[in-house]
C-alpha cells in the first residue's frame, strides 16, 4: 500500500516495525525463545523461513537498536530487562492458546 510522499519524507529511519508477522518480530521471537543459545544467520534463516538475504539486514537493524548482540558469525538476543519482559509476554501469549482454561467446560 503506497504512502503519501510527505509521510515518506517525515518518517524517521529509526522506526522499526516489530509488530507480529514482521521479519524483525519473527527474529526477535525466535532468539527470545532460544535465549540460552546463539545462532548463525543461516540457522536463523532455516528456523524462521525468512529469506536468506533478508536475515542479515533484519539482524543489523535489530543490533543498531540494542535488541540483539553479535560476536563473530553468531547472533543472540540482547541482555536487557526490556527484552526479558518481551520474551515473557511472547511465552505467555503462546501458552494461553494451549492451556485448558478456555477450552474446558463443566459437565
Protein backbone atom coordinates (compact mmCIF):
# COMPACT_ATOMS: atom_id res chain seq x y z
CA UNK A 1 0.00 0.00 0.00
CA UNK A 2 1.59 3.30 -1.02
CA UNK A 3 2.05 6.14 1.45
CA UNK A 4 1.93 9.90 0.98
CA UNK A 5 5.28 11.43 -0.04
CA UNK A 6 5.15 13.81 2.95
CA UNK A 7 4.89 10.84 5.30
CA UNK A 8 7.74 9.19 3.40
CA UNK A 9 9.92 12.27 3.88
CA UNK A 10 9.00 12.76 7.53
CA UNK A 11 9.23 9.17 8.74
CA UNK A 12 12.25 8.58 10.90
CA UNK A 13 14.77 5.96 9.83
CA UNK A 14 14.92 4.99 13.50
CA UNK A 15 11.42 3.50 13.32
CA UNK A 16 11.45 -0.29 13.21
CA UNK A 17 8.21 -2.18 12.87
CA UNK A 18 8.28 -5.18 15.22
CA UNK A 19 4.58 -5.95 15.14
CA UNK A 20 3.54 -9.58 14.92
CA UNK A 21 4.11 -11.06 11.49
CA UNK A 22 7.03 -8.82 10.54
CA UNK A 23 10.50 -10.21 9.95
CA UNK A 24 12.00 -8.33 12.94
CA UNK A 25 9.26 -9.75 15.18
CA UNK A 26 9.92 -13.27 13.88
CA UNK A 27 13.67 -12.99 14.52
CA UNK A 28 13.20 -11.46 17.98
CA UNK A 29 10.70 -14.14 18.93
CA UNK A 30 12.99 -16.92 17.74
CA UNK A 31 16.01 -15.52 19.61
CA UNK A 32 13.96 -14.79 22.74
CA UNK A 33 12.59 -18.33 22.73
CA UNK A 34 16.17 -19.62 22.49
CA UNK A 35 17.88 -17.11 24.78
CA UNK A 36 20.45 -19.63 26.02
CA UNK A 37 21.93 -20.05 22.53
CA UNK A 38 23.48 -18.02 19.71
CA UNK A 39 22.86 -18.72 16.02
CA UNK A 40 24.40 -18.06 12.62
CA UNK A 41 22.41 -16.17 10.00
CA UNK A 42 21.92 -19.45 8.13
CA UNK A 43 20.50 -21.13 11.23
CA UNK A 44 18.13 -18.20 11.80
CA UNK A 45 17.05 -18.37 8.14
CA UNK A 46 16.37 -22.11 8.40
CA UNK A 47 14.46 -21.79 11.68
CA UNK A 48 12.32 -18.79 10.69
CA UNK A 49 11.94 -19.27 6.91
CA UNK A 50 12.88 -15.60 6.43
CA UNK A 51 14.65 -15.24 3.06
CA UNK A 52 18.40 -15.70 3.45
CA UNK A 53 19.15 -12.24 2.00
CA UNK A 54 16.80 -10.54 4.49
CA UNK A 55 18.14 -12.11 7.69
CA UNK A 56 21.36 -10.06 7.77
CA UNK A 57 19.51 -6.79 7.17
CA UNK A 58 16.99 -7.56 9.92
CA UNK A 59 19.74 -8.54 12.37
CA UNK A 60 21.72 -5.37 11.62
CA UNK A 61 18.69 -3.17 12.25
CA UNK A 62 17.92 -5.01 15.49
CA UNK A 63 21.55 -4.67 16.59
CA UNK A 64 21.51 -0.90 15.90
CA UNK A 65 18.66 -0.65 18.41
CA UNK A 66 20.36 -2.84 21.01
CA UNK A 67 17.84 -5.68 20.66
CA UNK A 68 20.31 -8.36 19.57
CA UNK A 69 24.03 -8.90 20.07
CA UNK A 70 26.63 -10.22 17.69
CA UNK A 71 30.01 -11.95 18.04
CA UNK A 72 31.79 -13.37 15.03
CA UNK A 73 29.24 -15.31 13.00
CA UNK A 74 26.80 -15.71 15.89
CA UNK A 75 23.76 -13.71 16.95
CA UNK A 76 21.74 -13.80 20.18
CA UNK A 77 19.04 -11.84 21.93
CA UNK A 78 20.43 -8.82 23.79
CA UNK A 79 20.83 -8.86 27.54
CA UNK A 80 18.25 -6.28 28.51
CA UNK A 81 15.41 -6.27 31.03
CA UNK A 82 13.01 -4.99 28.37
CA UNK A 83 13.79 -7.99 26.22
CA UNK A 84 13.24 -10.35 29.14
CA UNK A 85 9.82 -8.77 29.50
CA UNK A 86 9.22 -9.15 25.75
CA UNK A 87 10.18 -12.85 25.91
CA UNK A 88 7.88 -13.41 28.89
CA UNK A 89 4.97 -11.75 27.07
CA UNK A 90 5.60 -13.88 23.99
CA UNK A 91 5.70 -17.06 26.09
CA UNK A 92 2.53 -16.08 27.94
CA UNK A 93 0.74 -15.35 24.69
CA UNK A 94 1.60 -18.72 23.19
CA UNK A 95 0.85 -20.70 26.34
CA UNK A 96 -2.57 -19.09 26.76
CA UNK A 97 -3.64 -20.68 23.49
CA UNK A 98 -2.58 -24.15 24.62
CA UNK A 99 -3.79 -24.26 28.20
CA UNK A 100 -7.09 -25.79 29.30
CA UNK A 101 -8.52 -22.62 30.82
CA UNK A 102 -10.55 -21.55 27.81
CA UNK A 103 -11.35 -24.95 26.37
CA UNK A 104 -12.73 -26.72 29.42
CA UNK A 105 -16.44 -26.87 30.22
CA UNK A 106 -18.21 -28.07 33.34
CA UNK A 107 -20.39 -31.09 32.77
